[in-house]
Amino acid sequence: MNKNMLDIYSDYLIAQNGYATATGLSQLLDGEVSHDKITRFLNGEAASSKELWQYVKPHVRKIESAEGILILDDSIEDKPYIDENELVSWHYSHAKNRCVKGINILSCLIRYGEIALPISYEPIVKDIIFCDIATKKLKRQSSVSKNEMFRTMIAQAVSNEVPFEYVLADNWFGAKKNMEFIHYDMKKKFIIGIKANRLVALMEGEKNASLEKSPTKVERSQRNHIFAAIIAYCKLELLKAKTFLNHFALKYKLLIQANRMAYAELKNLYNITGRA
């Protein structure tokens, strides 16, 4: 993946407040980067957790502590108007108590004090198509279950020598096999089923990093947008540590500056054309 384009695109996701588009970014940069180049970046080789770990590893190593908390959660980003594929599919939303069409992402973060950095993630891919006997309709399911992904992510964190003491997850992952895996195989403690889990999930960061605000329709570009949004979240989290401002305050600061520039440009137009 082009690291320079990743840096530009993830900064764009932090700074903009509408939908993220290749044309919008190109216009923001006054055409210095063409929208075709941005599109090629999004349609390039899909990034994964491996590239995420390479990006975040130096930052994790600077702040890591044995008292770290590994947080796993899955969220669904609504994509009601995007054609269904292996990535965009129907998933049951516990928040809405119904099935919704979107992208289901299982994320793994490491929290040290007030800093939480994503170290791996997996979109839920429904790669098997089958016919439901009762309804006679075609449906999709994943060849790898969320619980299998859950255990793999924890094992990968241990393999990557990420220090942590506890695993936190909601009751979706409260299966006996998962608990035994954490306790006996990984030699870690766990808290599963806490109602306040949404306070420690990726949700706030995802909204601030424009994860939902991409009109991309091709699966590979959707994957790369997700990756860039997670990198943008990392940037916000690291900025939070340096500025002592939370994600909302950082975004609001950028919005105020953008409004000032827009107001100044409006006054400039009045001076050129005369006030309406």
C-alpha atoms as a PDB file:
ATOM      1  CA  MET A   1       0.000   0.000   0.000  1.00  0.00           C
ATOM      2  CA  ASN A   2       1.213   3.491  -0.896  1.00  0.00           C
ATOM      3  CA  LYS A   3       2.151   4.938   2.513  1.00  0.00           C
ATOM      4  CA  ASN A   4       2.117   8.532   1.287  1.00  0.00           C
ATOM      5  CA  MET A   5      -1.413   8.149  -0.098  1.00  0.00           C
ATOM      6  CA  LEU A   6      -2.494   6.379   3.082  1.00  0.00           C
ATOM      7  CA  ASP A   7      -1.243   9.337   5.103  1.00  0.00           C
ATOM      8  CA  ILE A   8      -3.041  11.832   2.851  1.00  0.00           C
ATOM      9  CA  TYR A   9      -6.298   9.878   2.763  1.00  0.00           C
ATOM     10  CA  SER A  10      -6.417   9.150   6.519  1.00  0.00           C
ATOM     11  CA  ASP A  11      -5.735  12.850   7.266  1.00  0.00           C
ATOM     12  CA  TYR A  12      -8.616  13.681   4.924  1.00  0.00           C
ATOM     13  CA  LEU A  13     -10.923  11.351   6.866  1.00  0.00           C
ATOM     14  CA  ILE A  14     -10.053  13.220  10.064  1.00  0.00           C
ATOM     15  CA  ALA A  15     -10.438  16.698   8.585  1.00  0.00           C
ATOM     16  CA  GLN A  16     -13.580  16.383   6.451  1.00  0.00           C
ATOM     17  CA  ASN A  17     -17.132  16.375   7.817  1.00  0.00           C
ATOM     18  CA  GLY A  18     -19.176  15.017   4.913  1.00  0.00           C
ATOM     19  CA  TYR A  19     -18.866  11.920   2.770  1.00  0.00           C
ATOM     20  CA  ALA A  20     -15.346  10.895   1.837  1.00  0.00           C
ATOM     21  CA  THR A  21     -14.850  10.881  -1.926  1.00  0.00           C
ATOM     22  CA  ALA A  22     -11.857  10.823  -4.253  1.00  0.00           C
ATOM     23  CA  THR A  23     -13.151  13.960  -5.975  1.00  0.00           C
ATOM     24  CA  GLY A  24     -13.603  15.734  -2.642  1.00  0.00           C
ATOM     25  CA  LEU A  25     -10.038  14.982  -1.571  1.00  0.00           C
ATOM     26  CA  SER A  26      -8.646  16.056  -4.943  1.00  0.00           C
ATOM     27  CA  GLN A  27     -10.522  19.361  -4.710  1.00  0.00           C
ATOM     28  CA  LEU A  28      -9.315  19.879  -1.148  1.00  0.00           C
ATOM     29  CA  LEU A  29      -5.737  19.522  -2.403  1.00  0.00           C
ATOM     30  CA  ASP A  30      -6.402  21.931  -5.303  1.00  0.00           C
ATOM     31  CA  GLY A  31      -5.863  19.119  -7.798  1.00  0.00           C
ATOM     32  CA  GLU A  32      -2.312  18.326  -6.653  1.00  0.00           C
ATOM     33  CA  VAL A  33      -3.451  14.712  -6.366  1.00  0.00           C
ATOM     34  CA  SER A  34      -5.909  13.607  -9.037  1.00  0.00           C
ATOM     35  CA  HIS A  35      -9.080  11.792  -8.122  1.00  0.00           C
ATOM     36  CA  ASP A  36      -7.929   8.957 -10.417  1.00  0.00           C
ATOM     37  CA  LYS A  37      -4.803   8.474  -8.297  1.00  0.00           C
ATOM     38  CA  ILE A  38      -6.909   8.387  -5.133  1.00  0.00           C
ATOM     39  CA  THR A  39      -9.270   5.864  -6.727  1.00  0.00           C
ATOM     40  CA  ARG A  40      -6.321   3.681  -7.744  1.00  0.00           C
ATOM     41  CA  PHE A  41      -5.077   3.820  -4.153  1.00  0.00           C
ATOM     42  CA  LEU A  42      -8.441   2.649  -2.823  1.00  0.00           C
ATOM     43  CA  ASN A  43      -8.685  -0.078  -5.450  1.00  0.00           C
ATOM     44  CA  GLY A  44      -5.122  -1.269  -4.846  1.00  0.00           C
ATOM     45  CA  GLU A  45      -3.997  -4.270  -2.853  1.00  0.00           C
ATOM     46  CA  ALA A  46      -6.201  -4.594   0.217  1.00  0.00           C
ATOM     47  CA  ALA A  47      -4.525  -3.831   3.549  1.00  0.00           C
ATOM     48  CA  SER A  48      -5.097  -6.038   6.590  1.00  0.00           C
ATOM     49  CA  SER A  49      -4.326  -6.432  10.286  1.00  0.00           C
ATOM     50  CA  LYS A  50      -0.699  -7.169   9.395  1.00  0.00           C
ATOM     51  CA  GLU A  51      -0.246  -3.665   7.954  1.00  0.00           C
ATOM     52  CA  LEU A  52      -2.185  -2.158  10.877  1.00  0.00           C
ATOM     53  CA  TRP A  53       0.167  -3.811  13.375  1.00  0.00           C
ATOM     54  CA  GLN A  54       3.196  -2.551  11.450  1.00  0.00           C
ATOM     55  CA  TYR A  55       1.798   0.982  11.685  1.00  0.00           C
ATOM     56  CA  VAL A  56       0.780   0.923  15.338  1.00  0.00           C
ATOM     57  CA  LYS A  57       3.542  -1.280  16.782  1.00  0.00           C
ATOM     58  CA  PRO A  58       6.076   1.541  17.485  1.00  0.00           C
ATOM     59  CA  HIS A  59       3.398   3.531  19.327  1.00  0.00           C
ATOM     60  CA  VAL A  60       2.296   0.516  21.358  1.00  0.00           C
ATOM     61  CA  ARG A  61       5.888  -0.250  22.345  1.00  0.00           C
ATOM     62  CA  LYS A  62       6.349   3.294  23.694  1.00  0.00           C
ATOM     63  CA  ILE A  63       3.406   3.104  26.099  1.00  0.00           C
ATOM     64  CA  GLU A  64       2.870  -0.622  26.764  1.00  0.00           C
ATOM     65  CA  SER A  65       2.275  -1.849  30.308  1.00  0.00           C
ATOM     66  CA  ALA A  66       1.639  -5.217  31.915  1.00  0.00           C
ATOM     67  CA  GLU A  67      -1.649  -3.752  33.200  1.00  0.00           C
ATOM     68  CA  GLY A  68      -3.011  -3.340  29.692  1.00  0.00           C
ATOM     69  CA  ILE A  69      -6.545  -4.336  28.735  1.00  0.00           C
ATOM     70  CA  LEU A  70      -7.326  -6.107  25.465  1.00  0.00           C
ATOM     71  CA  ILE A  71     -10.741  -5.029  24.188  1.00  0.00           C
ATOM     72  CA  LEU A  72     -12.663  -6.968  21.542  1.00  0.00           C
ATOM     73  CA  ASP A  73     -15.941  -5.845  20.071  1.00  0.00           C
ATOM     74  CA  ASP A  74     -17.887  -6.078  16.851  1.00  0.00           C
ATOM     75  CA  SER A  75     -19.819  -3.250  15.242  1.00  0.00           C
ATOM     76  CA  ILE A  76     -21.970  -2.882  12.148  1.00  0.00           C
ATOM     77  CA  GLU A  77     -21.622   0.082   9.816  1.00  0.00           C
ATOM     78  CA  ASP A  78     -24.888   0.540   7.943  1.00  0.00           C
ATOM     79  CA  LYS A  79     -24.655   0.330   4.132  1.00  0.00           C
ATOM     80  CA  PRO A  80     -28.344   0.180   3.135  1.00  0.00           C
ATOM     81  CA  TYR A  81     -27.817   1.506  -0.406  1.00  0.00           C
ATOM     82  CA  ILE A  82     -24.738  -0.520  -1.381  1.00  0.00           C
ATOM     83  CA  ASP A  83     -25.174  -3.728  -3.389  1.00  0.00           C
ATOM     84  CA  GLU A  84     -24.778  -6.883  -1.330  1.00  0.00           C
ATOM     85  CA  ASN A  85     -21.506  -8.808  -1.609  1.00  0.00           C
ATOM     86  CA  GLU A  86     -19.280 -10.935   0.631  1.00  0.00           C
ATOM     87  CA  LEU A  87     -18.375  -7.860   2.692  1.00  0.00           C
ATOM     88  CA  VAL A  88     -21.630  -5.899   2.618  1.00  0.00           C
ATOM     89  CA  SER A  89     -24.241  -8.314   3.873  1.00  0.00           C
ATOM     90  CA  TRP A  90     -27.073  -8.773   6.372  1.00  0.00           C
ATOM     91  CA  HIS A  91     -26.103  -9.014  10.041  1.00  0.00           C
ATOM     92  CA  TYR A  92     -28.114  -9.132  13.242  1.00  0.00           C
ATOM     93  CA  SER A  93     -27.713  -5.895  15.207  1.00  0.00           C
ATOM     94  CA  HIS A  94     -28.094  -6.277  18.970  1.00  0.00           C
ATOM     95  CA  ALA A  95     -28.326  -2.497  19.249  1.00  0.00           C
ATOM     96  CA  LYS A  96     -31.345  -2.373  16.888  1.00  0.00           C
ATOM     97  CA  ASN A  97     -32.711  -5.872  17.613  1.00  0.00           C
ATOM     98  CA  ARG A  98     -33.062  -6.604  13.904  1.00  0.00           C
ATOM     99  CA  CYS A  99     -31.021  -7.502  10.845  1.00  0.00           C
ATOM    100  CA  VAL A 100     -29.355  -4.635   9.021  1.00  0.00           C
ATOM    101  CA  LYS A 101     -27.356  -4.480   5.807  1.00  0.00           C
ATOM    102  CA  GLY A 102     -23.830  -3.272   6.304  1.00  0.00           C
ATOM    103  CA  ILE A 103     -20.233  -4.128   7.113  1.00  0.00           C
ATOM    104  CA  ASN A 104     -19.672  -6.076  10.322  1.00  0.00           C
ATOM    105  CA  ILE A 105     -16.198  -5.513  11.804  1.00  0.00           C
ATOM    106  CA  LEU A 106     -14.578  -7.351  14.693  1.00  0.00           C
ATOM    107  CA  SER A 107     -11.947  -5.098  16.253  1.00  0.00           C
ATOM    108  CA  CYS A 108      -9.226  -5.633  18.836  1.00  0.00           C
ATOM    109  CA  LEU A 109      -7.771  -2.713  20.799  1.00  0.00           C
ATOM    110  CA  ILE A 110      -5.140  -2.476  23.489  1.00  0.00           C
ATOM    111  CA  ARG A 111      -5.825   0.091  26.203  1.00  0.00           C
ATOM    112  CA  TYR A 112      -3.097   1.515  28.419  1.00  0.00           C
ATOM    113  CA  GLY A 113      -4.524   4.136  30.752  1.00  0.00           C
ATOM    114  CA  GLU A 114      -6.435   6.648  28.630  1.00  0.00           C
ATOM    115  CA  ILE A 115      -4.972   5.514  25.299  1.00  0.00           C
ATOM    116  CA  ALA A 116      -6.661   2.785  23.245  1.00  0.00           C
ATOM    117  CA  LEU A 117      -5.050   1.718  19.979  1.00  0.00           C
ATOM    118  CA  PRO A 118      -6.450  -0.848  17.516  1.00  0.00           C
ATOM    119  CA  ILE A 119      -3.955  -3.644  16.903  1.00  0.00           C
ATOM    120  CA  SER A 120      -6.057  -5.887  14.662  1.00  0.00           C
ATOM    121  CA  TYR A 121      -9.421  -6.053  12.951  1.00  0.00           C
ATOM    122  CA  GLU A 122     -11.362  -8.407  10.716  1.00  0.00           C
ATOM    123  CA  PRO A 123     -14.383  -7.620   8.552  1.00  0.00           C
ATOM    124  CA  ILE A 124     -16.908 -10.435   8.749  1.00  0.00           C
ATOM    125  CA  VAL A 125     -16.909 -11.966   5.262  1.00  0.00           C
ATOM    126  CA  LYS A 126     -19.968 -14.046   4.358  1.00  0.00           C
ATOM    127  CA  ASP A 127     -18.375 -16.108   1.626  1.00  0.00           C
ATOM    128  CA  ILE A 128     -20.786 -19.069   1.597  1.00  0.00           C
ATOM    129  CA  ILE A 129     -24.118 -18.822  -0.234  1.00  0.00           C
ATOM    130  CA  PHE A 130     -26.808 -21.340   0.683  1.00  0.00           C
ATOM    131  CA  CYS A 131     -30.523 -21.847   0.281  1.00  0.00           C
ATOM    132  CA  ASP A 132     -32.604 -21.542   3.437  1.00  0.00           C
ATOM    133  CA  ILE A 133     -34.848 -24.612   3.589  1.00  0.00           C
ATOM    134  CA  ALA A 134     -37.679 -22.826   5.380  1.00  0.00           C
ATOM    135  CA  THR A 135     -37.861 -19.676   3.234  1.00  0.00           C
ATOM    136  CA  LYS A 136     -36.364 -21.067  -0.023  1.00  0.00           C
ATOM    137  CA  LYS A 137     -34.265 -17.880  -0.216  1.00  0.00           C
ATOM    138  CA  LEU A 138     -30.542 -17.551  -0.835  1.00  0.00           C
ATOM    139  CA  LYS A 139     -28.591 -16.482   2.219  1.00  0.00           C
ATOM    140  CA  ARG A 140     -24.967 -15.948   3.161  1.00  0.00           C
ATOM    141  CA  GLN A 141     -22.833 -17.175   6.021  1.00  0.00           C
ATOM    142  CA  SER A 142     -19.169 -16.985   7.008  1.00  0.00           C
ATOM    143  CA  SER A 143     -16.796 -19.899   6.643  1.00  0.00           C
ATOM    144  CA  VAL A 144     -15.010 -18.599   9.786  1.00  0.00           C
ATOM    145  CA  SER A 145     -17.130 -17.807  12.835  1.00  0.00           C
ATOM    146  CA  LYS A 146     -16.799 -14.674  14.973  1.00  0.00           C
ATOM    147  CA  ASN A 147     -15.781 -16.818  17.933  1.00  0.00           C
ATOM    148  CA  GLU A 148     -12.952 -18.350  15.918  1.00  0.00           C
ATOM    149  CA  MET A 149     -11.822 -14.845  14.890  1.00  0.00           C
ATOM    150  CA  PHE A 150     -12.124 -13.742  18.527  1.00  0.00           C
ATOM    151  CA  ARG A 151      -9.731 -16.442  19.721  1.00  0.00           C
ATOM    152  CA  THR A 152      -7.350 -15.868  16.802  1.00  0.00           C
ATOM    153  CA  MET A 153      -7.091 -12.140  17.599  1.00  0.00           C
ATOM    154  CA  ILE A 154      -6.239 -12.809  21.233  1.00  0.00           C
ATOM    155  CA  ALA A 155      -3.649 -15.406  20.257  1.00  0.00           C
ATOM    156  CA  GLN A 156      -2.133 -12.963  17.745  1.00  0.00           C
ATOM    157  CA  ALA A 157      -1.850 -10.261  20.422  1.00  0.00           C
ATOM    158  CA  VAL A 158       0.020 -12.734  22.630  1.00  0.00           C
ATOM    159  CA  SER A 159       2.195 -13.816  19.697  1.00  0.00           C
ATOM    160  CA  ASN A 160       3.021 -10.154  18.978  1.00  0.00           C
ATOM    161  CA  GLU A 161       4.107  -9.814  22.622  1.00  0.00           C
ATOM    162  CA  VAL A 162       1.509  -7.161  23.444  1.00  0.00           C
ATOM    163  CA  PRO A 163       1.438  -6.957  27.270  1.00  0.00           C
ATOM    164  CA  PHE A 164      -2.050  -7.134  28.791  1.00  0.00           C
ATOM    165  CA  GLU A 165      -3.710  -8.586  31.870  1.00  0.00           C
ATOM    166  CA  TYR A 166      -7.419  -8.678  31.032  1.00  0.00           C
ATOM    167  CA  VAL A 167      -9.586  -9.385  27.993  1.00  0.00           C
ATOM    168  CA  LEU A 168     -12.822  -7.372  27.793  1.00  0.00           C
ATOM    169  CA  ALA A 169     -15.724  -8.355  25.528  1.00  0.00           C
ATOM    170  CA  ASP A 170     -19.533  -8.290  25.535  1.00  0.00           C
ATOM    171  CA  ASN A 171     -21.761 -11.266  26.189  1.00  0.00           C
ATOM    172  CA  TRP A 172     -21.844 -12.205  22.487  1.00  0.00           C
ATOM    173  CA  PHE A 173     -18.445 -13.810  23.150  1.00  0.00           C
ATOM    174  CA  GLY A 174     -19.416 -15.325  26.499  1.00  0.00           C
ATOM    175  CA  ALA A 175     -19.048 -18.942  25.307  1.00  0.00           C
ATOM    176  CA  LYS A 176     -17.391 -21.515  27.517  1.00  0.00           C
ATOM    177  CA  LYS A 177     -14.820 -22.330  24.826  1.00  0.00           C
ATOM    178  CA  ASN A 178     -13.748 -18.678  24.623  1.00  0.00           C
ATOM    179  CA  MET A 179     -13.426 -18.325  28.383  1.00  0.00           C
ATOM    180  CA  GLU A 180     -11.421 -21.530  28.702  1.00  0.00           C
ATOM    181  CA  PHE A 181      -9.179 -20.421  25.844  1.00  0.00           C
ATOM    182  CA  ILE A 182      -8.415 -17.099  27.545  1.00  0.00           C
ATOM    183  CA  HIS A 183      -7.924 -18.593  31.004  1.00  0.00           C
ATOM    184  CA  TYR A 184      -6.162 -21.886  30.308  1.00  0.00           C
ATOM    185  CA  ASP A 185      -4.477 -21.426  26.927  1.00  0.00           C
ATOM    186  CA  MET A 186      -3.552 -17.738  27.019  1.00  0.00           C
ATOM    187  CA  LYS A 187      -3.128 -17.554  30.827  1.00  0.00           C
ATOM    188  CA  LYS A 188      -5.077 -14.273  30.963  1.00  0.00           C
ATOM    189  CA  LYS A 189      -8.020 -12.947  32.945  1.00  0.00           C
ATOM    190  CA  PHE A 190     -11.276 -11.817  31.376  1.00  0.00           C
ATOM    191  CA  ILE A 191     -14.399  -9.741  31.939  1.00  0.00           C
ATOM    192  CA  ILE A 192     -17.203 -10.693  29.580  1.00  0.00           C
ATOM    193  CA  GLY A 193     -20.789  -9.507  29.468  1.00  0.00           C
ATOM    194  CA  ILE A 194     -20.419  -6.037  30.993  1.00  0.00           C
ATOM    195  CA  LYS A 195     -23.264  -3.713  29.955  1.00  0.00           C
ATOM    196  CA  ALA A 196     -20.960  -0.706  29.674  1.00  0.00           C
ATOM    197  CA  ASN A 197     -18.861  -2.319  26.947  1.00  0.00           C
ATOM    198  CA  ARG A 198     -19.822   0.320  24.371  1.00  0.00           C
ATOM    199  CA  LEU A 199     -17.756   2.852  26.310  1.00  0.00           C
ATOM    200  CA  VAL A 200     -14.608   0.949  25.416  1.00  0.00           C
ATOM    201  CA  ALA A 201     -15.447  -0.084  21.873  1.00  0.00           C
ATOM    202  CA  LEU A 202     -14.281   1.480  18.638  1.00  0.00           C
ATOM    203  CA  MET A 203     -17.630   3.146  18.011  1.00  0.00           C
ATOM    204  CA  GLU A 204     -16.728   6.746  18.860  1.00  0.00           C
ATOM    205  CA  GLY A 205     -13.497   6.557  16.934  1.00  0.00           C
ATOM    206  CA  GLU A 206     -15.182   5.007  13.927  1.00  0.00           C
ATOM    207  CA  LYS A 207     -17.714   7.849  13.733  1.00  0.00           C
ATOM    208  CA  ASN A 208     -14.986  10.495  14.113  1.00  0.00           C
ATOM    209  CA  ALA A 209     -12.806   8.848  11.468  1.00  0.00           C
ATOM    210  CA  SER A 210     -15.600   8.715   8.826  1.00  0.00           C
ATOM    211  CA  LEU A 211     -15.789   4.941   8.651  1.00  0.00           C
ATOM    212  CA  GLU A 212     -19.454   5.057   7.595  1.00  0.00           C
ATOM    213  CA  LYS A 213     -19.048   8.017   5.247  1.00  0.00           C
ATOM    214  CA  SER A 214     -17.655   6.307   2.194  1.00  0.00           C
ATOM    215  CA  PRO A 215     -19.726   5.813  -0.966  1.00  0.00           C
ATOM    216  CA  THR A 216     -17.305   3.168  -2.281  1.00  0.00           C
ATOM    217  CA  LYS A 217     -19.104   0.209  -3.844  1.00  0.00           C
ATOM    218  CA  VAL A 218     -16.246  -2.136  -4.766  1.00  0.00           C
ATOM    219  CA  GLU A 219     -15.242  -4.639  -2.081  1.00  0.00           C
ATOM    220  CA  ARG A 220     -11.507  -3.899  -2.269  1.00  0.00           C
ATOM    221  CA  SER A 221     -12.001  -0.132  -2.003  1.00  0.00           C
ATOM    222  CA  GLN A 222     -14.389  -0.702   0.921  1.00  0.00           C
ATOM    223  CA  ARG A 223     -11.700  -2.730   2.680  1.00  0.00           C
ATOM    224  CA  ASN A 224      -9.029  -0.083   2.093  1.00  0.00           C
ATOM    225  CA  HIS A 225     -11.378   2.676   3.277  1.00  0.00           C
ATOM    226  CA  ILE A 226     -11.942   0.713   6.494  1.00  0.00           C
ATOM    227  CA  PHE A 227      -8.190   0.331   6.949  1.00  0.00           C
ATOM    228  CA  ALA A 228      -7.583   4.056   6.379  1.00  0.00           C
ATOM    229  CA  ALA A 229     -10.387   4.941   8.818  1.00  0.00           C
ATOM    230  CA  ILE A 230      -8.751   2.786  11.505  1.00  0.00           C
ATOM    231  CA  ILE A 231      -5.403   4.496  10.825  1.00  0.00           C
ATOM    232  CA  ALA A 232      -7.216   7.840  11.172  1.00  0.00           C
ATOM    233  CA  TYR A 233      -8.569   6.651  14.531  1.00  0.00           C
ATOM    234  CA  CYS A 234      -4.999   5.838  15.614  1.00  0.00           C
ATOM    235  CA  LYS A 235      -3.909   9.333  14.634  1.00  0.00           C
ATOM    236  CA  LEU A 236      -6.749  10.874  16.641  1.00  0.00           C
ATOM    237  CA  GLU A 237      -5.911   8.733  19.662  1.00  0.00           C
ATOM    238  CA  LEU A 238      -2.229   9.745  19.526  1.00  0.00           C
ATOM    239  CA  LEU A 239      -3.202  13.405  19.092  1.00  0.00           C
ATOM    240  CA  LYS A 240      -5.473  13.049  22.107  1.00  0.00           C
ATOM    241  CA  ALA A 241      -2.501  12.000  24.222  1.00  0.00           C
ATOM    242  CA  LYS A 242      -0.399  14.954  23.039  1.00  0.00           C
ATOM    243  CA  THR A 243      -3.060  17.690  23.151  1.00  0.00           C
ATOM    244  CA  PHE A 244      -5.189  16.440  26.085  1.00  0.00           C
ATOM    245  CA  LEU A 245      -8.262  16.904  23.871  1.00  0.00           C
ATOM    246  CA  ASN A 246     -10.724  14.092  23.210  1.00  0.00           C
ATOM    247  CA  HIS A 247     -11.777  13.031  19.704  1.00  0.00           C
ATOM    248  CA  PHE A 248     -14.839  15.285  19.676  1.00  0.00           C
ATOM    249  CA  ALA A 249     -12.825  18.314  20.790  1.00  0.00           C
ATOM    250  CA  LEU A 250     -10.180  17.660  18.140  1.00  0.00           C
ATOM    251  CA  LYS A 251     -12.780  17.363  15.379  1.00  0.00           C
ATOM    252  CA  TYR A 252     -14.591  20.467  16.654  1.00  0.00           C
ATOM    253  CA  LYS A 253     -11.328  22.422  16.609  1.00  0.00           C
ATOM    254  CA  LEU A 254     -10.831  21.443  12.963  1.00  0.00           C
ATOM    255  CA  LEU A 255     -14.433  22.352  12.151  1.00  0.00           C
ATOM    256  CA  ILE A 256     -14.090  25.816  13.709  1.00  0.00           C
ATOM    257  CA  GLN A 257     -10.947  26.461  11.684  1.00  0.00           C
ATOM    258  CA  ALA A 258     -12.704  25.307   8.504  1.00  0.00           C
ATOM    259  CA  ASN A 259     -15.640  27.629   9.240  1.00  0.00           C
ATOM    260  CA  ARG A 260     -13.255  30.554   9.772  1.00  0.00           C
ATOM    261  CA  MET A 261     -11.618  29.895   6.413  1.00  0.00           C
ATOM    262  CA  ALA A 262     -15.023  29.634   4.725  1.00  0.00           C
ATOM    263  CA  TYR A 263     -16.150  32.913   6.333  1.00  0.00           C
ATOM    264  CA  ALA A 264     -12.936  34.664   5.244  1.00  0.00           C
ATOM    265  CA  GLU A 265     -13.433  33.407   1.679  1.00  0.00           C
ATOM    266  CA  LEU A 266     -17.038  34.650   1.710  1.00  0.00           C
ATOM    267  CA  LYS A 267     -15.880  38.136   2.728  1.00  0.00           C
ATOM    268  CA  ASN A 268     -13.270  37.999  -0.020  1.00  0.00           C
ATOM    269  CA  LEU A 269     -15.977  37.176  -2.589  1.00  0.00           C
ATOM    270  CA  TYR A 270     -18.065  40.110  -1.320  1.00  0.00           C
ATOM    271  CA  ASN A 271     -15.080  42.426  -1.788  1.00  0.00           C
ATOM    272  CA  ILE A 272     -14.596  41.193  -5.361  1.00  0.00           C
ATOM    273  CA  THR A 273     -18.243  41.172  -6.520  1.00  0.00           C
ATOM    274  CA  GLY A 274     -19.956  43.546  -4.120  1.00  0.00           C
ATOM    275  CA  ARG A 275     -22.333  42.487  -1.357  1.00  0.00           C
ATOM    276  CA  ALA A 276     -25.568  40.898  -2.519  1.00  0.00           C
END
